[in-house]
Amino acid sequence: MSQDPAAELTLHDDERGSVILVRRGAEVRAWRNLCPHHWLPLTYRSARILSGDGLRLRCSNHGAEFSTEDGQPFDASLPCGLEPVPVHIDDEGRVVLRPQA
C-alpha cells in the first residue's frame, strides 16, 4: 500500500468480492466494496472515493459518505454502514485478510 498518511486500495477476494483497504498511519481497515444502499461497488463510477484528509469514503453512485474509522455513514438518516472485513498485519508488514467465519 501507499505510504501516504491515508491511502486506499481496492482488491478482489474470492470469498468477499471487491474489498477496500484504507491505511491511516500504522492501522489498516477493510470493508467490502459494496454500497449498502445501492448494492453497487462504491467505486462503480469512479475509483477516487477516499477524501483528501483520509477520513471518509464516498460512494461514487449517490454520494453517501462513510467513516474510515468504523464504516458508519456520516448521514444519520442512512440506516446502515459498510460491511467490515477483518484484517491484520503480519510479522513482515503484509496486510492479510482473515478468513470468513
PDB file of N, CA and C in Angstrom:
ATOM      1  N   MET A   1       0.833  -1.181   0.000  1.00  0.00           N
ATOM      2  CA  MET A   1       0.000   0.000   0.000  1.00  0.00           C
ATOM      3  C   MET A   1       0.878   1.244   0.000  1.00  0.00           C
ATOM      4  N   SER A   2       0.291   2.344  -0.401  1.00  0.00           N
ATOM      5  CA  SER A   2       0.976   3.628  -0.415  1.00  0.00           C
ATOM      6  C   SER A   2       1.437   4.007   0.988  1.00  0.00           C
ATOM      7  N   GLN A   3       2.484   4.805   1.071  1.00  0.00           N
ATOM      8  CA  GLN A   3       2.964   5.293   2.358  1.00  0.00           C
ATOM      9  C   GLN A   3       2.380   6.657   2.703  1.00  0.00           C
ATOM     10  N   ASP A   4       1.382   7.139   1.938  1.00  0.00           N
ATOM     11  CA  ASP A   4       0.708   8.388   2.257  1.00  0.00           C
ATOM     12  C   ASP A   4       0.074   8.269   3.642  1.00  0.00           C
ATOM     13  N   PRO A   5      -0.186   9.404   4.323  1.00  0.00           N
ATOM     14  CA  PRO A   5      -0.828   9.340   5.635  1.00  0.00           C
ATOM     15  C   PRO A   5      -2.160   8.599   5.607  1.00  0.00           C
ATOM     16  N   ALA A   6      -2.881   8.710   4.506  1.00  0.00           N
ATOM     17  CA  ALA A   6      -4.114   7.945   4.311  1.00  0.00           C
ATOM     18  C   ALA A   6      -4.088   7.432   2.878  1.00  0.00           C
ATOM     19  N   ALA A   7      -4.338   6.157   2.709  1.00  0.00           N
ATOM     20  CA  ALA A   7      -4.305   5.570   1.370  1.00  0.00           C
ATOM     21  C   ALA A   7      -5.402   4.532   1.249  1.00  0.00           C
ATOM     22  N   GLU A   8      -5.923   4.380   0.040  1.00  0.00           N
ATOM     23  CA  GLU A   8      -6.997   3.417  -0.229  1.00  0.00           C
ATOM     24  C   GLU A   8      -6.557   2.512  -1.365  1.00  0.00           C
ATOM     25  N   LEU A   9      -6.905   1.247  -1.258  1.00  0.00           N
ATOM     26  CA  LEU A   9      -6.573   0.258  -2.268  1.00  0.00           C
ATOM     27  C   LEU A   9      -7.763  -0.674  -2.403  1.00  0.00           C
ATOM     28  N   THR A  10      -8.131  -1.002  -3.633  1.00  0.00           N
ATOM     29  CA  THR A  10      -9.221  -1.943  -3.859  1.00  0.00           C
ATOM     30  C   THR A  10      -8.628  -3.217  -4.436  1.00  0.00           C
ATOM     31  N   LEU A  11      -9.030  -4.360  -3.881  1.00  0.00           N
ATOM     32  CA  LEU A  11      -8.547  -5.642  -4.383  1.00  0.00           C
ATOM     33  C   LEU A  11      -9.705  -6.625  -4.431  1.00  0.00           C
ATOM     34  N   HIS A  12      -9.475  -7.791  -5.013  1.00  0.00           N
ATOM     35  CA  HIS A  12     -10.513  -8.807  -5.117  1.00  0.00           C
ATOM     36  C   HIS A  12     -10.156  -9.996  -4.236  1.00  0.00           C
ATOM     37  N   ASP A  13     -11.157 -10.452  -3.475  1.00  0.00           N
ATOM     38  CA  ASP A  13     -11.018 -11.624  -2.618  1.00  0.00           C
ATOM     39  C   ASP A  13     -12.076 -12.627  -3.065  1.00  0.00           C
ATOM     40  N   ASP A  14     -11.707 -13.889  -3.247  1.00  0.00           N
ATOM     41  CA  ASP A  14     -12.650 -14.893  -3.750  1.00  0.00           C
ATOM     42  C   ASP A  14     -13.878 -15.057  -2.859  1.00  0.00           C
ATOM     43  N   GLU A  15     -13.720 -14.878  -1.551  1.00  0.00           N
ATOM     44  CA  GLU A  15     -14.850 -15.058  -0.631  1.00  0.00           C
ATOM     45  C   GLU A  15     -15.761 -13.833  -0.587  1.00  0.00           C
ATOM     46  N   ARG A  16     -15.191 -12.642  -0.716  1.00  0.00           N
ATOM     47  CA  ARG A  16     -15.942 -11.420  -0.464  1.00  0.00           C
ATOM     48  C   ARG A  16     -16.138 -10.539  -1.687  1.00  0.00           C
ATOM     49  N   GLY A  17     -15.499 -10.852  -2.782  1.00  0.00           N
ATOM     50  CA  GLY A  17     -15.542  -9.963  -3.942  1.00  0.00           C
ATOM     51  C   GLY A  17     -14.551  -8.829  -3.751  1.00  0.00           C
ATOM     52  N   SER A  18     -14.913  -7.652  -4.206  1.00  0.00           N
ATOM     53  CA  SER A  18     -14.041  -6.490  -4.122  1.00  0.00           C
ATOM     54  C   SER A  18     -13.970  -5.986  -2.680  1.00  0.00           C
ATOM     55  N   VAL A  19     -12.758  -5.695  -2.215  1.00  0.00           N
ATOM     56  CA  VAL A  19     -12.511  -5.231  -0.851  1.00  0.00           C
ATOM     57  C   VAL A  19     -11.728  -3.924  -0.921  1.00  0.00           C
ATOM     58  N   ILE A  20     -12.121  -2.968  -0.085  1.00  0.00           N
ATOM     59  CA  ILE A  20     -11.415  -1.694   0.017  1.00  0.00           C
ATOM     60  C   ILE A  20     -10.570  -1.717   1.280  1.00  0.00           C
ATOM     61  N   LEU A  21      -9.285  -1.424   1.133  1.00  0.00           N
ATOM     62  CA  LEU A  21      -8.376  -1.292   2.277  1.00  0.00           C
ATOM     63  C   LEU A  21      -8.055   0.182   2.449  1.00  0.00           C
ATOM     64  N   VAL A  22      -8.067   0.661   3.669  1.00  0.00           N
ATOM     65  CA  VAL A  22      -7.692   2.036   3.966  1.00  0.00           C
ATOM     66  C   VAL A  22      -6.642   2.011   5.053  1.00  0.00           C
ATOM     67  N   ARG A  23      -5.517   2.651   4.754  1.00  0.00           N
ATOM     68  CA  ARG A  23      -4.451   2.757   5.749  1.00  0.00           C
ATOM     69  C   ARG A  23      -4.434   4.172   6.282  1.00  0.00           C
ATOM     70  N   ARG A  24      -4.450   4.261   7.603  1.00  0.00           N
ATOM     71  CA  ARG A  24      -4.303   5.546   8.282  1.00  0.00           C
ATOM     72  C   ARG A  24      -3.194   5.366   9.293  1.00  0.00           C
ATOM     73  N   GLY A  25      -2.043   5.934   8.992  1.00  0.00           N
ATOM     74  CA  GLY A  25      -0.884   5.721   9.860  1.00  0.00           C
ATOM     75  C   GLY A  25      -0.481   4.262   9.818  1.00  0.00           C
ATOM     76  N   ALA A  26      -0.350   3.643  10.979  1.00  0.00           N
ATOM     77  CA  ALA A  26       0.057   2.234  11.053  1.00  0.00           C
ATOM     78  C   ALA A  26      -1.133   1.280  10.998  1.00  0.00           C
ATOM     79  N   GLU A  27      -2.362   1.802  11.021  1.00  0.00           N
ATOM     80  CA  GLU A  27      -3.551   0.955  11.041  1.00  0.00           C
ATOM     81  C   GLU A  27      -4.118   0.736   9.638  1.00  0.00           C
ATOM     82  N   VAL A  28      -4.652  -0.455   9.422  1.00  0.00           N
ATOM     83  CA  VAL A  28      -5.325  -0.774   8.163  1.00  0.00           C
ATOM     84  C   VAL A  28      -6.717  -1.285   8.504  1.00  0.00           C
ATOM     85  N   ARG A  29      -7.702  -0.751   7.810  1.00  0.00           N
ATOM     86  CA  ARG A  29      -9.082  -1.223   7.955  1.00  0.00           C
ATOM     87  C   ARG A  29      -9.575  -1.640   6.580  1.00  0.00           C
ATOM     88  N   ALA A  30     -10.571  -2.526   6.573  1.00  0.00           N
ATOM     89  CA  ALA A  30     -11.078  -3.024   5.292  1.00  0.00           C
ATOM     90  C   ALA A  30     -12.594  -3.186   5.341  1.00  0.00           C
ATOM     91  N   TRP A  31     -13.219  -2.993   4.180  1.00  0.00           N
ATOM     92  CA  TRP A  31     -14.657  -3.173   4.013  1.00  0.00           C
ATOM     93  C   TRP A  31     -14.919  -3.760   2.639  1.00  0.00           C
ATOM     94  N   ARG A  32     -16.056  -4.444   2.505  1.00  0.00           N
ATOM     95  CA  ARG A  32     -16.483  -4.877   1.174  1.00  0.00           C
ATOM     96  C   ARG A  32     -16.751  -3.630   0.344  1.00  0.00           C
ATOM     97  N   ASN A  33     -16.350  -3.670  -0.906  1.00  0.00           N
ATOM     98  CA  ASN A  33     -16.573  -2.551  -1.828  1.00  0.00           C
ATOM     99  C   ASN A  33     -18.003  -2.649  -2.355  1.00  0.00           C
ATOM    100  N   LEU A  34     -18.960  -2.393  -1.455  1.00  0.00           N
ATOM    101  CA  LEU A  34     -20.363  -2.547  -1.796  1.00  0.00           C
ATOM    102  C   LEU A  34     -21.181  -1.533  -1.003  1.00  0.00           C
ATOM    103  N   CYS A  35     -21.818  -0.611  -1.722  1.00  0.00           N
ATOM    104  CA  CYS A  35     -22.665   0.370  -1.060  1.00  0.00           C
ATOM    105  C   CYS A  35     -23.896  -0.348  -0.502  1.00  0.00           C
ATOM    106  N   PRO A  36     -24.175  -0.218   0.791  1.00  0.00           N
ATOM    107  CA  PRO A  36     -25.314  -0.916   1.371  1.00  0.00           C
ATOM    108  C   PRO A  36     -26.660  -0.309   0.972  1.00  0.00           C
ATOM    109  N   HIS A  37     -26.647   0.811   0.274  1.00  0.00           N
ATOM    110  CA  HIS A  37     -27.887   1.481  -0.122  1.00  0.00           C
ATOM    111  C   HIS A  37     -28.245   1.216  -1.582  1.00  0.00           C
ATOM    112  N   HIS A  38     -27.240   1.016  -2.436  1.00  0.00           N
ATOM    113  CA  HIS A  38     -27.480   0.828  -3.869  1.00  0.00           C
ATOM    114  C   HIS A  38     -26.993  -0.521  -4.390  1.00  0.00           C
ATOM    115  N   TRP A  39     -26.297  -1.288  -3.568  1.00  0.00           N
ATOM    116  CA  TRP A  39     -25.778  -2.616  -3.920  1.00  0.00           C
ATOM    117  C   TRP A  39     -24.908  -2.587  -5.175  1.00  0.00           C
ATOM    118  N   LEU A  40     -24.158  -1.503  -5.309  1.00  0.00           N
ATOM    119  CA  LEU A  40     -23.146  -1.363  -6.355  1.00  0.00           C
ATOM    120  C   LEU A  40     -21.826  -1.073  -5.653  1.00  0.00           C
ATOM    121  N   PRO A  41     -20.706  -1.377  -6.297  1.00  0.00           N
ATOM    122  CA  PRO A  41     -19.422  -1.016  -5.687  1.00  0.00           C
ATOM    123  C   PRO A  41     -19.345   0.491  -5.431  1.00  0.00           C
ATOM    124  N   LEU A  42     -18.728   0.878  -4.327  1.00  0.00           N
ATOM    125  CA  LEU A  42     -18.501   2.307  -4.076  1.00  0.00           C
ATOM    126  C   LEU A  42     -17.748   2.926  -5.241  1.00  0.00           C
ATOM    127  N   THR A  43     -16.904   2.149  -5.883  1.00  0.00           N
ATOM    128  CA  THR A  43     -16.045   2.604  -6.975  1.00  0.00           C
ATOM    129  C   THR A  43     -16.683   2.436  -8.362  1.00  0.00           C
ATOM    130  N   TYR A  44     -17.975   2.181  -8.436  1.00  0.00           N
ATOM    131  CA  TYR A  44     -18.643   1.884  -9.712  1.00  0.00           C
ATOM    132  C   TYR A  44     -18.462   3.002 -10.740  1.00  0.00           C
ATOM    133  N   ARG A  45     -18.602   4.252 -10.335  1.00  0.00           N
ATOM    134  CA  ARG A  45     -18.484   5.383 -11.264  1.00  0.00           C
ATOM    135  C   ARG A  45     -17.132   6.080 -11.204  1.00  0.00           C
ATOM    136  N   SER A  46     -16.384   5.845 -10.140  1.00  0.00           N
ATOM    137  CA  SER A  46     -15.076   6.481 -10.001  1.00  0.00           C
ATOM    138  C   SER A  46     -14.255   5.717  -8.969  1.00  0.00           C
ATOM    139  N   ALA A  47     -12.973   5.571  -9.246  1.00  0.00           N
ATOM    140  CA  ALA A  47     -12.077   4.903  -8.305  1.00  0.00           C
ATOM    141  C   ALA A  47     -11.644   5.851  -7.188  1.00  0.00           C
ATOM    142  N   ARG A  48     -11.904   7.132  -7.356  1.00  0.00           N
ATOM    143  CA  ARG A  48     -11.486   8.134  -6.361  1.00  0.00           C
ATOM    144  C   ARG A  48     -12.571   8.294  -5.309  1.00  0.00           C
ATOM    145  N   ILE A  49     -12.497   7.512  -4.250  1.00  0.00           N
ATOM    146  CA  ILE A  49     -13.538   7.529  -3.225  1.00  0.00           C
ATOM    147  C   ILE A  49     -13.025   7.961  -1.853  1.00  0.00           C
ATOM    148  N   LEU A  50     -11.720   8.073  -1.673  1.00  0.00           N
ATOM    149  CA  LEU A  50     -11.150   8.472  -0.386  1.00  0.00           C
ATOM    150  C   LEU A  50     -11.005   9.990  -0.345  1.00  0.00           C
ATOM    151  N   SER A  51     -11.521  10.608   0.721  1.00  0.00           N
ATOM    152  CA  SER A  51     -11.396  12.061   0.864  1.00  0.00           C
ATOM    153  C   SER A  51      -9.927  12.446   1.032  1.00  0.00           C
ATOM    154  N   GLY A  52      -9.618  13.698   0.742  1.00  0.00           N
ATOM    155  CA  GLY A  52      -8.251  14.185   0.836  1.00  0.00           C
ATOM    156  C   GLY A  52      -7.658  14.062   2.224  1.00  0.00           C
ATOM    157  N   ASP A  53      -8.500  14.170   3.254  1.00  0.00           N
ATOM    158  CA  ASP A  53      -7.990  14.052   4.624  1.00  0.00           C
ATOM    159  C   ASP A  53      -7.975  12.613   5.115  1.00  0.00           C
ATOM    160  N   GLY A  54      -8.477  11.667   4.286  1.00  0.00           N
ATOM    161  CA  GLY A  54      -8.452  10.256   4.639  1.00  0.00           C
ATOM    162  C   GLY A  54      -9.500   9.833   5.655  1.00  0.00           C
ATOM    163  N   LEU A  55     -10.465  10.704   5.957  1.00  0.00           N
ATOM    164  CA  LEU A  55     -11.449  10.399   6.983  1.00  0.00           C
ATOM    165  C   LEU A  55     -12.752   9.826   6.449  1.00  0.00           C
ATOM    166  N   ARG A  56     -12.966   9.920   5.123  1.00  0.00           N
ATOM    167  CA  ARG A  56     -14.239   9.497   4.541  1.00  0.00           C
ATOM    168  C   ARG A  56     -14.049   8.698   3.262  1.00  0.00           C
ATOM    169  N   LEU A  57     -14.920   7.703   3.100  1.00  0.00           N
ATOM    170  CA  LEU A  57     -15.068   7.001   1.825  1.00  0.00           C
ATOM    171  C   LEU A  57     -16.381   7.492   1.238  1.00  0.00           C
ATOM    172  N   ARG A  58     -16.371   7.882  -0.043  1.00  0.00           N
ATOM    173  CA  ARG A  58     -17.573   8.445  -0.667  1.00  0.00           C
ATOM    174  C   ARG A  58     -18.060   7.519  -1.763  1.00  0.00           C
ATOM    175  N   CYS A  59     -19.323   7.120  -1.678  1.00  0.00           N
ATOM    176  CA  CYS A  59     -19.926   6.286  -2.719  1.00  0.00           C
ATOM    177  C   CYS A  59     -19.991   7.102  -4.006  1.00  0.00           C
ATOM    178  N   SER A  60     -19.400   6.576  -5.081  1.00  0.00           N
ATOM    179  CA  SER A  60     -19.399   7.297  -6.358  1.00  0.00           C
ATOM    180  C   SER A  60     -20.752   7.240  -7.059  1.00  0.00           C
ATOM    181  N   ASN A  61     -21.685   6.452  -6.534  1.00  0.00           N
ATOM    182  CA  ASN A  61     -23.009   6.324  -7.148  1.00  0.00           C
ATOM    183  C   ASN A  61     -23.992   7.382  -6.662  1.00  0.00           C
ATOM    184  N   HIS A  62     -24.021   7.628  -5.339  1.00  0.00           N
ATOM    185  CA  HIS A  62     -25.005   8.582  -4.831  1.00  0.00           C
ATOM    186  C   HIS A  62     -24.456   9.531  -3.777  1.00  0.00           C
ATOM    187  N   GLY A  63     -23.157   9.475  -3.524  1.00  0.00           N
ATOM    188  CA  GLY A  63     -22.520  10.470  -2.677  1.00  0.00           C
ATOM    189  C   GLY A  63     -22.552  10.214  -1.177  1.00  0.00           C
ATOM    190  N   ALA A  64     -23.110   9.094  -0.727  1.00  0.00           N
ATOM    191  CA  ALA A  64     -23.094   8.801   0.707  1.00  0.00           C
ATOM    192  C   ALA A  64     -21.649   8.714   1.178  1.00  0.00           C
ATOM    193  N   GLU A  65     -21.395   9.231   2.375  1.00  0.00           N
ATOM    194  CA  GLU A  65     -20.050   9.215   2.926  1.00  0.00           C
ATOM    195  C   GLU A  65     -19.999   8.349   4.182  1.00  0.00           C
ATOM    196  N   PHE A  66     -18.924   7.576   4.273  1.00  0.00           N
ATOM    197  CA  PHE A  66     -18.738   6.632   5.364  1.00  0.00           C
ATOM    198  C   PHE A  66     -17.418   6.918   6.062  1.00  0.00           C
ATOM    199  N   SER A  67     -17.392   6.736   7.368  1.00  0.00           N
ATOM    200  CA  SER A  67     -16.197   6.973   8.158  1.00  0.00           C
ATOM    201  C   SER A  67     -15.143   5.901   7.881  1.00  0.00           C
ATOM    202  N   THR A  68     -13.891   6.316   7.724  1.00  0.00           N
ATOM    203  CA  THR A  68     -12.809   5.331   7.592  1.00  0.00           C
ATOM    204  C   THR A  68     -12.408   4.784   8.952  1.00  0.00           C
ATOM    205  N   GLU A  69     -12.999   5.301  10.009  1.00  0.00           N
ATOM    206  CA  GLU A  69     -12.760   4.778  11.351  1.00  0.00           C
ATOM    207  C   GLU A  69     -13.555   3.498  11.592  1.00  0.00           C
ATOM    208  N   ASP A  70     -14.862   3.537  11.231  1.00  0.00           N
ATOM    209  CA  ASP A  70     -15.728   2.393  11.538  1.00  0.00           C
ATOM    210  C   ASP A  70     -16.691   2.002  10.410  1.00  0.00           C
ATOM    211  N   GLY A  71     -16.651   2.690   9.268  1.00  0.00           N
ATOM    212  CA  GLY A  71     -17.513   2.342   8.134  1.00  0.00           C
ATOM    213  C   GLY A  71     -18.944   2.821   8.249  1.00  0.00           C
ATOM    214  N   GLN A  72     -19.255   3.550   9.324  1.00  0.00           N
ATOM    215  CA  GLN A  72     -20.617   4.034   9.512  1.00  0.00           C
ATOM    216  C   GLN A  72     -20.864   5.296   8.684  1.00  0.00           C
ATOM    217  N   PRO A  73     -22.122   5.505   8.251  1.00  0.00           N
ATOM    218  CA  PRO A  73     -22.422   6.686   7.435  1.00  0.00           C
ATOM    219  C   PRO A  73     -22.378   7.961   8.283  1.00  0.00           C
ATOM    220  N   PHE A  74     -21.977   9.066   7.653  1.00  0.00           N
ATOM    221  CA  PHE A  74     -21.989  10.352   8.338  1.00  0.00           C
ATOM    222  C   PHE A  74     -23.405  10.905   8.435  1.00  0.00           C
ATOM    223  N   ASP A  75     -24.266  10.540   7.504  1.00  0.00           N
ATOM    224  CA  ASP A  75     -25.661  10.973   7.494  1.00  0.00           C
ATOM    225  C   ASP A  75     -26.466  10.021   8.373  1.00  0.00           C
ATOM    226  N   ALA A  76     -26.957  10.525   9.507  1.00  0.00           N
ATOM    227  CA  ALA A  76     -27.680   9.681  10.467  1.00  0.00           C
ATOM    228  C   ALA A  76     -28.979   9.115   9.899  1.00  0.00           C
ATOM    229  N   SER A  77     -29.485   9.690   8.798  1.00  0.00           N
ATOM    230  CA  SER A  77     -30.723   9.166   8.223  1.00  0.00           C
ATOM    231  C   SER A  77     -30.499   7.889   7.410  1.00  0.00           C
ATOM    232  N   LEU A  78     -29.239   7.587   7.103  1.00  0.00           N
ATOM    233  CA  LEU A  78     -28.946   6.347   6.376  1.00  0.00           C
ATOM    234  C   LEU A  78     -28.908   5.190   7.375  1.00  0.00           C
ATOM    235  N   PRO A  79     -29.585   4.085   7.063  1.00  0.00           N
ATOM    236  CA  PRO A  79     -29.784   3.023   8.052  1.00  0.00           C
ATOM    237  C   PRO A  79     -28.589   2.112   8.317  1.00  0.00           C
ATOM    238  N   CYS A  80     -27.609   2.076   7.441  1.00  0.00           N
ATOM    239  CA  CYS A  80     -26.533   1.100   7.647  1.00  0.00           C
ATOM    240  C   CYS A  80     -25.225   1.578   7.054  1.00  0.00           C
ATOM    241  N   GLY A  81     -24.147   0.949   7.543  1.00  0.00           N
ATOM    242  CA  GLY A  81     -22.819   1.300   7.089  1.00  0.00           C
ATOM    243  C   GLY A  81     -22.207   0.207   6.235  1.00  0.00           C
ATOM    244  N   LEU A  82     -20.915   0.342   6.003  1.00  0.00           N
ATOM    245  CA  LEU A  82     -20.177  -0.621   5.187  1.00  0.00           C
ATOM    246  C   LEU A  82     -19.952  -1.918   5.963  1.00  0.00           C
ATOM    247  N   GLU A  83     -19.849  -3.028   5.232  1.00  0.00           N
ATOM    248  CA  GLU A  83     -19.595  -4.328   5.857  1.00  0.00           C
ATOM    249  C   GLU A  83     -18.090  -4.496   6.078  1.00  0.00           C
ATOM    250  N   PRO A  84     -17.660  -4.594   7.344  1.00  0.00           N
ATOM    251  CA  PRO A  84     -16.227  -4.715   7.612  1.00  0.00           C
ATOM    252  C   PRO A  84     -15.668  -6.069   7.182  1.00  0.00           C
ATOM    253  N   VAL A  85     -14.394  -6.050   6.829  1.00  0.00           N
ATOM    254  CA  VAL A  85     -13.646  -7.268   6.504  1.00  0.00           C
ATOM    255  C   VAL A  85     -12.474  -7.319   7.485  1.00  0.00           C
ATOM    256  N   PRO A  86     -12.372  -8.388   8.278  1.00  0.00           N
ATOM    257  CA  PRO A  86     -11.279  -8.463   9.258  1.00  0.00           C
ATOM    258  C   PRO A  86      -9.919  -8.626   8.579  1.00  0.00           C
ATOM    259  N   VAL A  87      -8.968  -7.820   9.026  1.00  0.00           N
ATOM    260  CA  VAL A  87      -7.597  -7.868   8.503  1.00  0.00           C
ATOM    261  C   VAL A  87      -6.618  -7.778   9.661  1.00  0.00           C
ATOM    262  N   HIS A  88      -5.393  -8.186   9.400  1.00  0.00           N
ATOM    263  CA  HIS A  88      -4.310  -7.938  10.343  1.00  0.00           C
ATOM    264  C   HIS A  88      -3.028  -7.753   9.550  1.00  0.00           C
ATOM    265  N   ILE A  89      -2.034  -7.205  10.216  1.00  0.00           N
ATOM    266  CA  ILE A  89      -0.725  -7.016   9.598  1.00  0.00           C
ATOM    267  C   ILE A  89       0.192  -8.082  10.174  1.00  0.00           C
ATOM    268  N   ASP A  90       0.795  -8.882   9.284  1.00  0.00           N
ATOM    269  CA  ASP A  90       1.643  -9.983   9.763  1.00  0.00           C
ATOM    270  C   ASP A  90       3.021  -9.474  10.192  1.00  0.00           C
ATOM    271  N   ASP A  91       3.873 -10.387  10.627  1.00  0.00           N
ATOM    272  CA  ASP A  91       5.201 -10.031  11.135  1.00  0.00           C
ATOM    273  C   ASP A  91       6.099  -9.383  10.092  1.00  0.00           C
ATOM    274  N   GLU A  92       5.774  -9.581   8.813  1.00  0.00           N
ATOM    275  CA  GLU A  92       6.577  -8.988   7.739  1.00  0.00           C
ATOM    276  C   GLU A  92       5.952  -7.707   7.196  1.00  0.00           C
ATOM    277  N   GLY A  93       4.896  -7.228   7.861  1.00  0.00           N
ATOM    278  CA  GLY A  93       4.271  -5.980   7.463  1.00  0.00           C
ATOM    279  C   GLY A  93       3.238  -6.105   6.351  1.00  0.00           C
ATOM    280  N   ARG A  94       2.873  -7.343   5.991  1.00  0.00           N
ATOM    281  CA  ARG A  94       1.877  -7.546   4.937  1.00  0.00           C
ATOM    282  C   ARG A  94       0.476  -7.512   5.534  1.00  0.00           C
ATOM    283  N   VAL A  95      -0.459  -6.937   4.770  1.00  0.00           N
ATOM    284  CA  VAL A  95      -1.859  -6.935   5.184  1.00  0.00           C
ATOM    285  C   VAL A  95      -2.474  -8.259   4.771  1.00  0.00           C
ATOM    286  N   VAL A  96      -3.094  -8.935   5.734  1.00  0.00           N
ATOM    287  CA  VAL A  96      -3.672 -10.267   5.483  1.00  0.00           C
ATOM    288  C   VAL A  96      -5.173 -10.202   5.784  1.00  0.00           C
ATOM    289  N   LEU A  97      -5.987 -10.623   4.804  1.00  0.00           N
ATOM    290  CA  LEU A  97      -7.425 -10.730   5.039  1.00  0.00           C
ATOM    291  C   LEU A  97      -7.659 -11.994   5.839  1.00  0.00           C
ATOM    292  N   ARG A  98      -8.413 -11.897   6.913  1.00  0.00           N
ATOM    293  CA  ARG A  98      -8.729 -13.074   7.715  1.00  0.00           C
ATOM    294  C   ARG A  98      -9.855 -13.848   7.051  1.00  0.00           C
ATOM    295  N   PRO A  99      -9.850 -15.179   7.175  1.00  0.00           N
ATOM    296  CA  PRO A  99     -10.930 -15.976   6.589  1.00  0.00           C
ATOM    297  C   PRO A  99     -12.277 -15.631   7.206  1.00  0.00           C
ATOM    298  N   GLN A 100     -13.328 -15.769   6.422  1.00  0.00           N
ATOM    299  CA  GLN A 100     -14.669 -15.552   6.944  1.00  0.00           C
ATOM    300  C   GLN A 100     -15.025 -16.672   7.900  1.00  0.00           C
ATOM    301  N   ALA A 101     -15.809 -16.341   8.907  1.00  0.00           N
ATOM    302  CA  ALA A 101     -16.240 -17.345   9.889  1.00  0.00           C
ATOM    303  C   ALA A 101     -17.363 -18.180   9.334  1.00  0.00           C
TER     304      ALA A 101
END
